[in-house]
Amino acid sequence: MADAHFSWAGSIRAARRVALLLEGYTFEDYGSRITLTGVGLRFMGRRVALDAGAVLSVEADYGVFLVPWGSLHIVFGRPKI
């Protein structure tokens, strides 16, 4: 039987150029169910967006850990207005 893997994500605008982000992943690792949850902010410009946040895991087998995360998004070509 195949293991079930799930992911979910959402964002909501907090201001004209700022959004709140929430992402989550759940998967099986050597028989243990692992769940990762990420929260962060997206700062949006006209052609560039920057994400900053942290991923949190609270698992009995792995303990509690918090990992910083960031990403850069660049629009190539003509931006849609």
PDB file of N, CA and C in Angstrom:
ATOM      1  N   MET A   1       0.842  -1.181   0.000  1.00  0.00           N
ATOM      2  CA  MET A   1       0.000   0.000   0.000  1.00  0.00           C
ATOM      3  C   MET A   1       0.887   1.244   0.000  1.00  0.00           C
ATOM      4  N   ALA A   2       0.541   2.214  -0.809  1.00  0.00           N
ATOM      5  CA  ALA A   2       1.326   3.442  -0.916  1.00  0.00           C
ATOM      6  C   ALA A   2       1.088   4.347   0.287  1.00  0.00           C
ATOM      7  N   ASP A   3       2.144   5.027   0.710  1.00  0.00           N
ATOM      8  CA  ASP A   3       2.027   5.985   1.809  1.00  0.00           C
ATOM      9  C   ASP A   3       1.389   7.267   1.299  1.00  0.00           C
ATOM     10  N   ALA A   4       0.589   7.900   2.137  1.00  0.00           N
ATOM     11  CA  ALA A   4      -0.067   9.152   1.765  1.00  0.00           C
ATOM     12  C   ALA A   4       0.836  10.330   2.126  1.00  0.00           C
ATOM     13  N   HIS A   5       1.021  11.222   1.189  1.00  0.00           N
ATOM     14  CA  HIS A   5       1.789  12.449   1.387  1.00  0.00           C
ATOM     15  C   HIS A   5       0.850  13.607   1.106  1.00  0.00           C
ATOM     16  N   PHE A   6       0.853  14.614   1.967  1.00  0.00           N
ATOM     17  CA  PHE A   6      -0.029  15.751   1.789  1.00  0.00           C
ATOM     18  C   PHE A   6       0.756  17.050   1.940  1.00  0.00           C
ATOM     19  N   SER A   7       0.298  18.071   1.252  1.00  0.00           N
ATOM     20  CA  SER A   7       0.829  19.415   1.466  1.00  0.00           C
ATOM     21  C   SER A   7      -0.329  20.395   1.351  1.00  0.00           C
ATOM     22  N   TRP A   8      -0.196  21.503   2.031  1.00  0.00           N
ATOM     23  CA  TRP A   8      -1.211  22.546   1.967  1.00  0.00           C
ATOM     24  C   TRP A   8      -0.496  23.882   2.087  1.00  0.00           C
ATOM     25  N   ALA A   9      -1.113  24.905   1.552  1.00  0.00           N
ATOM     26  CA  ALA A   9      -0.513  26.239   1.588  1.00  0.00           C
ATOM     27  C   ALA A   9      -1.612  27.280   1.468  1.00  0.00           C
ATOM     28  N   GLY A  10      -1.339  28.431   2.007  1.00  0.00           N
ATOM     29  CA  GLY A  10      -2.283  29.533   1.910  1.00  0.00           C
ATOM     30  C   GLY A  10      -1.578  30.849   2.159  1.00  0.00           C
ATOM     31  N   SER A  11      -2.173  31.903   1.667  1.00  0.00           N
ATOM     32  CA  SER A  11      -1.640  33.243   1.915  1.00  0.00           C
ATOM     33  C   SER A  11      -2.804  34.219   2.003  1.00  0.00           C
ATOM     34  N   ILE A  12      -2.592  35.270   2.741  1.00  0.00           N
ATOM     35  CA  ILE A  12      -3.598  36.320   2.876  1.00  0.00           C
ATOM     36  C   ILE A  12      -2.867  37.654   2.944  1.00  0.00           C
ATOM     37  N   ARG A  13      -3.394  38.628   2.234  1.00  0.00           N
ATOM     38  CA  ARG A  13      -2.787  39.949   2.228  1.00  0.00           C
ATOM     39  C   ARG A  13      -2.945  40.621   3.582  1.00  0.00           C
ATOM     40  N   ALA A  14      -1.866  41.143   4.106  1.00  0.00           N
ATOM     41  CA  ALA A  14      -1.890  41.881   5.363  1.00  0.00           C
ATOM     42  C   ALA A  14      -1.817  43.381   5.107  1.00  0.00           C
ATOM     43  N   ALA A  15      -1.242  43.754   3.973  1.00  0.00           N
ATOM     44  CA  ALA A  15      -1.117  45.148   3.545  1.00  0.00           C
ATOM     45  C   ALA A  15      -0.959  45.134   2.027  1.00  0.00           C
ATOM     46  N   ARG A  16      -0.819  46.292   1.428  1.00  0.00           N
ATOM     47  CA  ARG A  16      -0.743  46.368  -0.042  1.00  0.00           C
ATOM     48  C   ARG A  16       0.389  45.523  -0.613  1.00  0.00           C
ATOM     49  N   ARG A  17       1.532  45.501   0.050  1.00  0.00           N
ATOM     50  CA  ARG A  17       2.698  44.784  -0.467  1.00  0.00           C
ATOM     51  C   ARG A  17       3.224  43.706   0.486  1.00  0.00           C
ATOM     52  N   VAL A  18       2.394  43.277   1.428  1.00  0.00           N
ATOM     53  CA  VAL A  18       2.806  42.260   2.402  1.00  0.00           C
ATOM     54  C   VAL A  18       1.710  41.202   2.528  1.00  0.00           C
ATOM     55  N   ALA A  19       2.108  39.932   2.544  1.00  0.00           N
ATOM     56  CA  ALA A  19       1.155  38.829   2.735  1.00  0.00           C
ATOM     57  C   ALA A  19       1.678  37.897   3.823  1.00  0.00           C
ATOM     58  N   LEU A  20       0.755  37.299   4.552  1.00  0.00           N
ATOM     59  CA  LEU A  20       1.090  36.270   5.528  1.00  0.00           C
ATOM     60  C   LEU A  20       1.026  34.918   4.829  1.00  0.00           C
ATOM     61  N   LEU A  21       1.989  34.044   5.072  1.00  0.00           N
ATOM     62  CA  LEU A  21       2.062  32.741   4.420  1.00  0.00           C
ATOM     63  C   LEU A  21       1.950  31.627   5.446  1.00  0.00           C
ATOM     64  N   LEU A  22       1.332  30.525   5.050  1.00  0.00           N
ATOM     65  CA  LEU A  22       1.266  29.317   5.868  1.00  0.00           C
ATOM     66  C   LEU A  22       1.404  28.131   4.930  1.00  0.00           C
ATOM     67  N   GLU A  23       2.342  27.238   5.231  1.00  0.00           N
ATOM     68  CA  GLU A  23       2.550  26.034   4.433  1.00  0.00           C
ATOM     69  C   GLU A  23       2.690  24.849   5.367  1.00  0.00           C
ATOM     70  N   GLY A  24       2.276  23.691   4.905  1.00  0.00           N
ATOM     71  CA  GLY A  24       2.406  22.497   5.708  1.00  0.00           C
ATOM     72  C   GLY A  24       2.627  21.270   4.848  1.00  0.00           C
ATOM     73  N   TYR A  25       3.372  20.340   5.382  1.00  0.00           N
ATOM     74  CA  TYR A  25       3.672  19.088   4.694  1.00  0.00           C
ATOM     75  C   TYR A  25       3.556  17.954   5.693  1.00  0.00           C
ATOM     76  N   THR A  26       3.030  16.837   5.276  1.00  0.00           N
ATOM     77  CA  THR A  26       3.013  15.639   6.104  1.00  0.00           C
ATOM     78  C   THR A  26       3.396  14.448   5.220  1.00  0.00           C
ATOM     79  N   PHE A  27       4.258  13.607   5.742  1.00  0.00           N
ATOM     80  CA  PHE A  27       4.744  12.452   4.985  1.00  0.00           C
ATOM     81  C   PHE A  27       5.236  11.398   5.967  1.00  0.00           C
ATOM     82  N   GLU A  28       5.517  10.227   5.451  1.00  0.00           N
ATOM     83  CA  GLU A  28       5.995   9.135   6.285  1.00  0.00           C
ATOM     84  C   GLU A  28       7.488   8.936   6.045  1.00  0.00           C
ATOM     85  N   ASP A  29       8.252   8.795   7.141  1.00  0.00           N
ATOM     86  CA  ASP A  29       9.695   8.610   7.075  1.00  0.00           C
ATOM     87  C   ASP A  29      10.066   7.409   7.931  1.00  0.00           C
ATOM     88  N   TYR A  30      10.399   6.310   7.303  1.00  0.00           N
ATOM     89  CA  TYR A  30      10.766   5.075   8.004  1.00  0.00           C
ATOM     90  C   TYR A  30       9.718   4.674   9.045  1.00  0.00           C
ATOM     91  N   GLY A  31       8.459   4.752   8.671  1.00  0.00           N
ATOM     92  CA  GLY A  31       7.376   4.328   9.537  1.00  0.00           C
ATOM     93  C   GLY A  31       6.850   5.379  10.489  1.00  0.00           C
ATOM     94  N   SER A  32       7.465   6.548  10.560  1.00  0.00           N
ATOM     95  CA  SER A  32       6.998   7.632  11.425  1.00  0.00           C
ATOM     96  C   SER A  32       6.333   8.710  10.588  1.00  0.00           C
ATOM     97  N   ARG A  33       5.202   9.212  11.041  1.00  0.00           N
ATOM     98  CA  ARG A  33       4.508  10.306  10.354  1.00  0.00           C
ATOM     99  C   ARG A  33       5.174  11.624  10.740  1.00  0.00           C
ATOM    100  N   ILE A  34       5.641  12.389   9.766  1.00  0.00           N
ATOM    101  CA  ILE A  34       6.335  13.659   9.981  1.00  0.00           C
ATOM    102  C   ILE A  34       5.434  14.788   9.485  1.00  0.00           C
ATOM    103  N   THR A  35       5.302  15.833  10.277  1.00  0.00           N
ATOM    104  CA  THR A  35       4.530  17.011   9.881  1.00  0.00           C
ATOM    105  C   THR A  35       5.407  18.244  10.052  1.00  0.00           C
ATOM    106  N   LEU A  36       5.537  19.017   8.988  1.00  0.00           N
ATOM    107  CA  LEU A  36       6.289  20.265   9.010  1.00  0.00           C
ATOM    108  C   LEU A  36       5.321  21.409   8.750  1.00  0.00           C
ATOM    109  N   THR A  37       5.439  22.485   9.513  1.00  0.00           N
ATOM    110  CA  THR A  37       4.582  23.651   9.340  1.00  0.00           C
ATOM    111  C   THR A  37       5.477  24.877   9.185  1.00  0.00           C
ATOM    112  N   GLY A  38       5.212  25.662   8.144  1.00  0.00           N
ATOM    113  CA  GLY A  38       5.986  26.880   7.900  1.00  0.00           C
ATOM    114  C   GLY A  38       5.094  28.098   7.953  1.00  0.00           C
ATOM    115  N   VAL A  39       5.563  29.150   8.612  1.00  0.00           N
ATOM    116  CA  VAL A  39       4.864  30.431   8.655  1.00  0.00           C
ATOM    117  C   VAL A  39       5.846  31.508   8.239  1.00  0.00           C
ATOM    118  N   GLY A  40       5.342  32.526   7.548  1.00  0.00           N
ATOM    119  CA  GLY A  40       6.241  33.578   7.110  1.00  0.00           C
ATOM    120  C   GLY A  40       5.510  34.765   6.528  1.00  0.00           C
ATOM    121  N   LEU A  41       6.303  35.673   5.980  1.00  0.00           N
ATOM    122  CA  LEU A  41       5.805  36.886   5.343  1.00  0.00           C
ATOM    123  C   LEU A  41       6.337  36.955   3.925  1.00  0.00           C
ATOM    124  N   ARG A  42       5.547  37.501   3.026  1.00  0.00           N
ATOM    125  CA  ARG A  42       5.989  37.775   1.653  1.00  0.00           C
ATOM    126  C   ARG A  42       5.936  39.283   1.439  1.00  0.00           C
ATOM    127  N   PHE A  43       7.083  39.847   1.076  1.00  0.00           N
ATOM    128  CA  PHE A  43       7.189  41.265   0.763  1.00  0.00           C
ATOM    129  C   PHE A  43       7.221  41.376  -0.757  1.00  0.00           C
ATOM    130  N   MET A  44       6.220  42.062  -1.328  1.00  0.00           N
ATOM    131  CA  MET A  44       6.038  42.068  -2.773  1.00  0.00           C
ATOM    132  C   MET A  44       6.323  43.436  -3.382  1.00  0.00           C
ATOM    133  N   GLY A  45       7.142  43.412  -4.414  1.00  0.00           N
ATOM    134  CA  GLY A  45       7.366  44.582  -5.238  1.00  0.00           C
ATOM    135  C   GLY A  45       6.690  44.337  -6.580  1.00  0.00           C
ATOM    136  N   ARG A  46       6.958  45.185  -7.534  1.00  0.00           N
ATOM    137  CA  ARG A  46       6.328  45.020  -8.851  1.00  0.00           C
ATOM    138  C   ARG A  46       6.902  43.825  -9.608  1.00  0.00           C
ATOM    139  N   ARG A  47       8.219  43.615  -9.492  1.00  0.00           N
ATOM    140  CA  ARG A  47       8.868  42.529 -10.218  1.00  0.00           C
ATOM    141  C   ARG A  47       9.570  41.513  -9.315  1.00  0.00           C
ATOM    142  N   VAL A  48       9.654  41.808  -8.032  1.00  0.00           N
ATOM    143  CA  VAL A  48      10.396  40.962  -7.107  1.00  0.00           C
ATOM    144  C   VAL A  48       9.572  40.741  -5.839  1.00  0.00           C
ATOM    145  N   ALA A  49       9.636  39.527  -5.307  1.00  0.00           N
ATOM    146  CA  ALA A  49       9.013  39.224  -4.014  1.00  0.00           C
ATOM    147  C   ALA A  49      10.034  38.468  -3.165  1.00  0.00           C
ATOM    148  N   LEU A  50      10.020  38.739  -1.880  1.00  0.00           N
ATOM    149  CA  LEU A  50      10.935  38.104  -0.949  1.00  0.00           C
ATOM    150  C   LEU A  50      10.120  37.442   0.153  1.00  0.00           C
ATOM    151  N   ASP A  51      10.354  36.149   0.379  1.00  0.00           N
ATOM    152  CA  ASP A  51       9.688  35.404   1.451  1.00  0.00           C
ATOM    153  C   ASP A  51      10.689  35.192   2.580  1.00  0.00           C
ATOM    154  N   ALA A  52      10.213  35.329   3.813  1.00  0.00           N
ATOM    155  CA  ALA A  52      11.030  35.054   4.988  1.00  0.00           C
ATOM    156  C   ALA A  52      10.132  34.411   6.032  1.00  0.00           C
ATOM    157  N   GLY A  53      10.636  33.361   6.653  1.00  0.00           N
ATOM    158  CA  GLY A  53       9.818  32.679   7.653  1.00  0.00           C
ATOM    159  C   GLY A  53      10.605  31.595   8.345  1.00  0.00           C
ATOM    160  N   ALA A  54       9.874  30.661   8.945  1.00  0.00           N
ATOM    161  CA  ALA A  54      10.497  29.558   9.664  1.00  0.00           C
ATOM    162  C   ALA A  54       9.642  28.312   9.520  1.00  0.00           C
ATOM    163  N   VAL A  55      10.296  27.159   9.498  1.00  0.00           N
ATOM    164  CA  VAL A  55       9.624  25.862   9.448  1.00  0.00           C
ATOM    165  C   VAL A  55       9.782  25.220  10.825  1.00  0.00           C
ATOM    166  N   LEU A  56       8.679  24.743  11.375  1.00  0.00           N
ATOM    167  CA  LEU A  56       8.661  24.153  12.711  1.00  0.00           C
ATOM    168  C   LEU A  56       8.243  22.700  12.620  1.00  0.00           C
ATOM    169  N   SER A  57       8.925  21.852  13.376  1.00  0.00           N
ATOM    170  CA  SER A  57       8.548  20.452  13.493  1.00  0.00           C
ATOM    171  C   SER A  57       8.583  20.064  14.957  1.00  0.00           C
ATOM    172  N   VAL A  58       7.543  19.374  15.401  1.00  0.00           N
ATOM    173  CA  VAL A  58       7.498  18.836  16.761  1.00  0.00           C
ATOM    174  C   VAL A  58       7.184  17.357  16.605  1.00  0.00           C
ATOM    175  N   GLU A  59       8.214  16.536  16.612  1.00  0.00           N
ATOM    176  CA  GLU A  59       8.066  15.096  16.405  1.00  0.00           C
ATOM    177  C   GLU A  59       8.759  14.339  17.529  1.00  0.00           C
ATOM    178  N   ALA A  60       8.154  13.258  17.986  1.00  0.00           N
ATOM    179  CA  ALA A  60       8.731  12.466  19.072  1.00  0.00           C
ATOM    180  C   ALA A  60      10.070  11.843  18.665  1.00  0.00           C
ATOM    181  N   ASP A  61      10.176  11.362  17.424  1.00  0.00           N
ATOM    182  CA  ASP A  61      11.405  10.695  16.986  1.00  0.00           C
ATOM    183  C   ASP A  61      12.548  11.663  16.692  1.00  0.00           C
ATOM    184  N   TYR A  62      12.216  12.882  16.259  1.00  0.00           N
ATOM    185  CA  TYR A  62      13.237  13.839  15.835  1.00  0.00           C
ATOM    186  C   TYR A  62      13.392  15.009  16.791  1.00  0.00           C
ATOM    187  N   GLY A  63      12.487  15.186  17.714  1.00  0.00           N
ATOM    188  CA  GLY A  63      12.540  16.320  18.630  1.00  0.00           C
ATOM    189  C   GLY A  63      11.912  17.562  17.998  1.00  0.00           C
ATOM    190  N   VAL A  64      12.118  18.678  18.647  1.00  0.00           N
ATOM    191  CA  VAL A  64      11.594  19.958  18.168  1.00  0.00           C
ATOM    192  C   VAL A  64      12.707  20.684  17.442  1.00  0.00           C
ATOM    193  N   PHE A  65      12.427  21.172  16.232  1.00  0.00           N
ATOM    194  CA  PHE A  65      13.414  21.993  15.551  1.00  0.00           C
ATOM    195  C   PHE A  65      12.737  23.100  14.765  1.00  0.00           C
ATOM    196  N   LEU A  66      13.445  24.202  14.640  1.00  0.00           N
ATOM    197  CA  LEU A  66      12.983  25.384  13.932  1.00  0.00           C
ATOM    198  C   LEU A  66      14.056  25.760  12.918  1.00  0.00           C
ATOM    199  N   VAL A  67      13.682  25.841  11.655  1.00  0.00           N
ATOM    200  CA  VAL A  67      14.630  26.120  10.586  1.00  0.00           C
ATOM    201  C   VAL A  67      14.207  27.399   9.874  1.00  0.00           C
ATOM    202  N   PRO A  68      15.080  28.412   9.772  1.00  0.00           N
ATOM    203  CA  PRO A  68      14.722  29.618   9.016  1.00  0.00           C
ATOM    204  C   PRO A  68      14.616  29.300   7.528  1.00  0.00           C
ATOM    205  N   TRP A  69      13.728  30.013   6.850  1.00  0.00           N
ATOM    206  CA  TRP A  69      13.555  29.777   5.426  1.00  0.00           C
ATOM    207  C   TRP A  69      13.384  31.113   4.718  1.00  0.00           C
ATOM    208  N   GLY A  70      13.862  31.182   3.503  1.00  0.00           N
ATOM    209  CA  GLY A  70      13.721  32.386   2.694  1.00  0.00           C
ATOM    210  C   GLY A  70      13.744  32.023   1.225  1.00  0.00           C
ATOM    211  N   SER A  71      13.088  32.839   0.422  1.00  0.00           N
ATOM    212  CA  SER A  71      13.112  32.621  -1.025  1.00  0.00           C
ATOM    213  C   SER A  71      12.934  33.953  -1.735  1.00  0.00           C
ATOM    214  N   LEU A  72      13.438  34.008  -2.935  1.00  0.00           N
ATOM    215  CA  LEU A  72      13.377  35.202  -3.766  1.00  0.00           C
ATOM    216  C   LEU A  72      12.657  34.847  -5.054  1.00  0.00           C
ATOM    217  N   HIS A  73      11.669  35.647  -5.444  1.00  0.00           N
ATOM    218  CA  HIS A  73      10.897  35.437  -6.666  1.00  0.00           C
ATOM    219  C   HIS A  73      11.132  36.626  -7.584  1.00  0.00           C
ATOM    220  N   ILE A  74      11.533  36.357  -8.818  1.00  0.00           N
ATOM    221  CA  ILE A  74      11.793  37.411  -9.790  1.00  0.00           C
ATOM    222  C   ILE A  74      10.944  37.146 -11.022  1.00  0.00           C
ATOM    223  N   VAL A  75      10.213  38.162 -11.460  1.00  0.00           N
ATOM    224  CA  VAL A  75       9.381  38.054 -12.659  1.00  0.00           C
ATOM    225  C   VAL A  75      10.241  38.419 -13.864  1.00  0.00           C
ATOM    226  N   PHE A  76      10.317  37.506 -14.833  1.00  0.00           N
ATOM    227  CA  PHE A  76      11.031  37.780 -16.071  1.00  0.00           C
ATOM    228  C   PHE A  76      10.010  38.139 -17.137  1.00  0.00           C
ATOM    229  N   GLY A  77      10.413  38.969 -18.067  1.00  0.00           N
ATOM    230  CA  GLY A  77       9.469  39.406 -19.092  1.00  0.00           C
ATOM    231  C   GLY A  77       8.665  40.602 -18.603  1.00  0.00           C
ATOM    232  N   ARG A  78       7.572  40.865 -19.253  1.00  0.00           N
ATOM    233  CA  ARG A  78       6.720  42.005 -18.913  1.00  0.00           C
ATOM    234  C   ARG A  78       5.776  41.639 -17.783  1.00  0.00           C
ATOM    235  N   PRO A  79       5.774  42.384 -16.670  1.00  0.00           N
ATOM    236  CA  PRO A  79       4.858  42.054 -15.573  1.00  0.00           C
ATOM    237  C   PRO A  79       3.409  42.379 -15.933  1.00  0.00           C
ATOM    238  N   LYS A  80       2.483  41.561 -15.444  1.00  0.00           N
ATOM    239  CA  LYS A  80       1.071  41.830 -15.645  1.00  0.00           C
ATOM    240  C   LYS A  80       0.605  42.840 -14.627  1.00  0.00           C
ATOM    241  N   ILE A  81      -0.129  43.818 -15.073  1.00  0.00           N
ATOM    242  CA  ILE A  81      -0.603  44.883 -14.167  1.00  0.00           C
ATOM    243  C   ILE A  81      -2.095  44.729 -13.936  1.00  0.00           C
TER     244      ILE A  81
END
